[in-house]
N, C-alpha and C. Protein backbone atom coordinates (compact mmCIF):
# COMPACT_ATOMS: atom_id res chain seq x y z
N MET A 1 117.15 45.57 56.54
CA MET A 1 117.51 44.06 56.44
C MET A 1 117.26 43.30 57.78
N SER A 2 116.51 42.19 57.68
CA SER A 2 116.41 41.52 58.92
C SER A 2 117.69 40.70 59.19
N THR A 3 117.81 40.33 60.42
CA THR A 3 119.04 39.45 60.75
C THR A 3 119.05 38.07 60.19
N THR A 4 117.84 37.58 59.67
CA THR A 4 117.80 36.33 59.20
C THR A 4 118.39 36.38 57.69
N GLU A 5 118.36 37.62 57.08
CA GLU A 5 118.98 37.78 55.76
C GLU A 5 120.44 38.05 55.65
N LEU A 6 121.07 38.26 56.87
CA LEU A 6 122.39 38.53 57.01
C LEU A 6 123.21 37.19 56.58
N ALA A 7 124.52 37.46 56.05
CA ALA A 7 125.42 36.53 55.88
C ALA A 7 126.33 36.21 57.05
N TRP A 8 125.91 35.21 57.90
CA TRP A 8 126.64 34.99 59.16
C TRP A 8 127.81 34.16 58.85
N PHE A 9 129.05 34.27 59.67
CA PHE A 9 130.12 33.47 59.63
C PHE A 9 130.83 33.34 60.92
N LYS A 10 131.49 32.29 61.13
CA LYS A 10 132.25 32.00 62.34
C LYS A 10 133.76 32.18 61.96
N SER A 11 134.49 32.41 63.11
CA SER A 11 135.87 32.62 62.98
C SER A 11 136.53 31.27 62.37
N SER A 12 137.63 31.44 61.73
CA SER A 12 138.39 30.22 61.24
C SER A 12 139.09 29.57 62.48
N TYR A 13 139.13 30.20 63.54
CA TYR A 13 139.71 29.55 64.75
C TYR A 13 138.61 28.71 65.49
N SER A 14 137.42 28.67 65.06
CA SER A 14 136.36 28.01 65.72
C SER A 14 136.51 26.51 65.40
N GLY A 15 136.40 25.65 66.33
CA GLY A 15 136.46 24.23 66.15
C GLY A 15 135.22 23.67 65.41
N THR A 16 135.49 22.40 64.86
CA THR A 16 134.34 21.73 64.36
C THR A 16 133.64 20.69 65.33
N GLN A 17 134.01 20.73 66.51
CA GLN A 17 133.57 19.81 67.58
C GLN A 17 132.24 20.20 68.16
N GLY A 18 131.58 21.32 67.71
CA GLY A 18 130.40 21.80 68.42
C GLY A 18 130.74 22.80 69.59
N ASP A 19 131.91 23.32 69.46
CA ASP A 19 132.37 24.31 70.49
C ASP A 19 131.43 25.43 70.52
N ASP A 20 131.31 26.00 71.71
CA ASP A 20 130.61 27.39 71.80
C ASP A 20 131.29 28.38 70.93
N CYS A 21 130.65 29.18 70.27
CA CYS A 21 131.24 30.17 69.36
C CYS A 21 130.17 31.32 69.10
N VAL A 22 130.71 32.40 68.66
CA VAL A 22 129.85 33.50 68.19
C VAL A 22 129.99 33.45 66.70
N GLU A 23 129.00 34.06 66.02
CA GLU A 23 128.94 34.28 64.64
C GLU A 23 128.73 35.84 64.36
N VAL A 24 129.28 36.37 63.31
CA VAL A 24 129.18 37.79 62.93
C VAL A 24 128.71 37.86 61.55
N ALA A 25 128.09 38.97 61.44
CA ALA A 25 127.58 39.37 59.99
C ALA A 25 127.90 40.91 59.88
N VAL A 26 128.55 41.37 58.81
CA VAL A 26 128.89 42.67 58.62
C VAL A 26 128.09 43.36 57.64
N THR A 27 127.63 44.54 57.99
CA THR A 27 126.83 45.45 57.06
C THR A 27 127.56 46.80 56.99
N ALA A 28 127.13 47.62 56.21
CA ALA A 28 127.88 48.86 56.05
C ALA A 28 127.74 49.78 57.40
N GLN A 29 126.76 49.54 58.17
CA GLN A 29 126.52 50.31 59.43
C GLN A 29 127.04 49.65 60.70
N ALA A 30 127.05 48.34 60.61
CA ALA A 30 127.30 47.63 61.83
C ALA A 30 127.90 46.25 61.82
N VAL A 31 128.43 45.73 62.89
CA VAL A 31 128.75 44.31 62.90
C VAL A 31 127.64 43.58 63.88
N HIS A 32 127.00 42.63 63.40
CA HIS A 32 125.89 41.86 64.11
C HIS A 32 126.62 40.76 64.75
N VAL A 33 126.31 40.44 66.03
CA VAL A 33 126.96 39.34 66.70
C VAL A 33 125.83 38.37 67.24
N ARG A 34 126.01 37.12 67.21
CA ARG A 34 125.06 36.16 67.75
C ARG A 34 125.73 34.95 68.24
N ASP A 35 125.03 34.21 69.16
CA ASP A 35 125.55 32.94 69.71
C ASP A 35 125.20 31.91 68.72
N SER A 36 126.31 31.06 68.27
CA SER A 36 126.05 30.07 67.31
C SER A 36 125.28 28.88 67.76
N LYS A 37 125.19 28.71 69.15
CA LYS A 37 124.39 27.65 69.64
C LYS A 37 122.89 27.91 69.87
N ASP A 38 122.59 29.25 69.83
CA ASP A 38 121.19 29.74 70.06
C ASP A 38 120.91 30.77 69.06
N VAL A 39 120.79 30.48 67.82
CA VAL A 39 120.52 31.40 66.76
C VAL A 39 119.14 31.98 66.74
N GLU A 40 118.21 31.55 67.55
CA GLU A 40 116.93 32.03 67.79
C GLU A 40 116.92 33.26 68.73
N ARG A 41 117.95 33.35 69.52
CA ARG A 41 118.19 34.53 70.49
C ARG A 41 118.54 35.72 69.57
N LEU A 42 118.01 36.86 69.90
CA LEU A 42 118.27 38.09 69.08
C LEU A 42 119.74 38.50 69.16
N PRO A 43 120.33 38.82 68.01
CA PRO A 43 121.77 39.20 68.09
C PRO A 43 121.80 40.69 68.50
N PHE A 44 123.02 41.13 68.72
CA PHE A 44 123.20 42.53 69.06
C PHE A 44 124.14 43.07 68.00
N ALA A 45 124.13 44.38 67.69
CA ALA A 45 124.90 45.08 66.81
C ALA A 45 125.85 45.96 67.43
N VAL A 46 126.95 46.12 66.94
CA VAL A 46 128.03 46.98 67.38
C VAL A 46 128.41 47.95 66.17
N GLY A 47 128.65 49.22 66.36
CA GLY A 47 129.20 50.06 65.30
C GLY A 47 130.53 49.50 64.74
N ARG A 48 130.86 49.69 63.51
CA ARG A 48 131.99 49.20 62.94
C ARG A 48 133.25 49.76 63.65
N GLU A 49 133.33 51.02 64.05
CA GLU A 49 134.40 51.54 64.69
C GLU A 49 134.56 50.98 66.14
N GLY A 50 133.43 50.63 66.84
CA GLY A 50 133.50 50.02 68.11
C GLY A 50 133.96 48.53 67.99
N TRP A 51 133.53 47.84 66.91
CA TRP A 51 133.97 46.39 66.63
C TRP A 51 135.57 46.43 66.37
N SER A 52 136.00 47.47 65.57
CA SER A 52 137.47 47.60 65.26
C SER A 52 138.24 47.82 66.59
N ARG A 53 137.74 48.66 67.54
CA ARG A 53 138.40 48.85 68.85
C ARG A 53 138.45 47.50 69.65
N PHE A 54 137.35 46.90 69.57
CA PHE A 54 137.20 45.48 70.38
C PHE A 54 138.30 44.52 69.86
N LEU A 55 138.32 44.35 68.52
CA LEU A 55 139.32 43.52 67.85
C LEU A 55 140.71 43.92 68.21
N SER A 56 141.07 45.16 68.26
CA SER A 56 142.35 45.63 68.68
C SER A 56 142.64 45.21 70.13
N PHE A 57 141.71 45.50 70.94
CA PHE A 57 141.90 45.16 72.38
C PHE A 57 142.01 43.54 72.46
N ALA A 58 141.27 42.87 71.94
CA ALA A 58 141.34 41.27 72.03
C ALA A 58 142.74 40.81 71.50
N ALA A 59 143.30 41.41 70.40
CA ALA A 59 144.50 41.06 69.81
C ALA A 59 145.75 41.35 70.80
N ASP A 60 145.46 42.40 71.51
CA ASP A 60 146.58 42.81 72.55
C ASP A 60 146.42 42.05 73.78
N ALA A 61 145.28 41.33 74.04
CA ALA A 61 145.18 40.63 75.42
C ALA A 61 145.97 39.35 75.38
């Protein structure tokens, strides 16, 4: 699956004022992350377990 075919979404915490934000798309194998202001830049992918650890870390920060 190409990254253009993924279902990208922004956090519900993202503003509607054109704020800088990231978008994510979840697949069975990975979580893909991209810059919402520069969707032409290649996204990166993180394993689902790594993404879960990142979210836990961010929630504790």
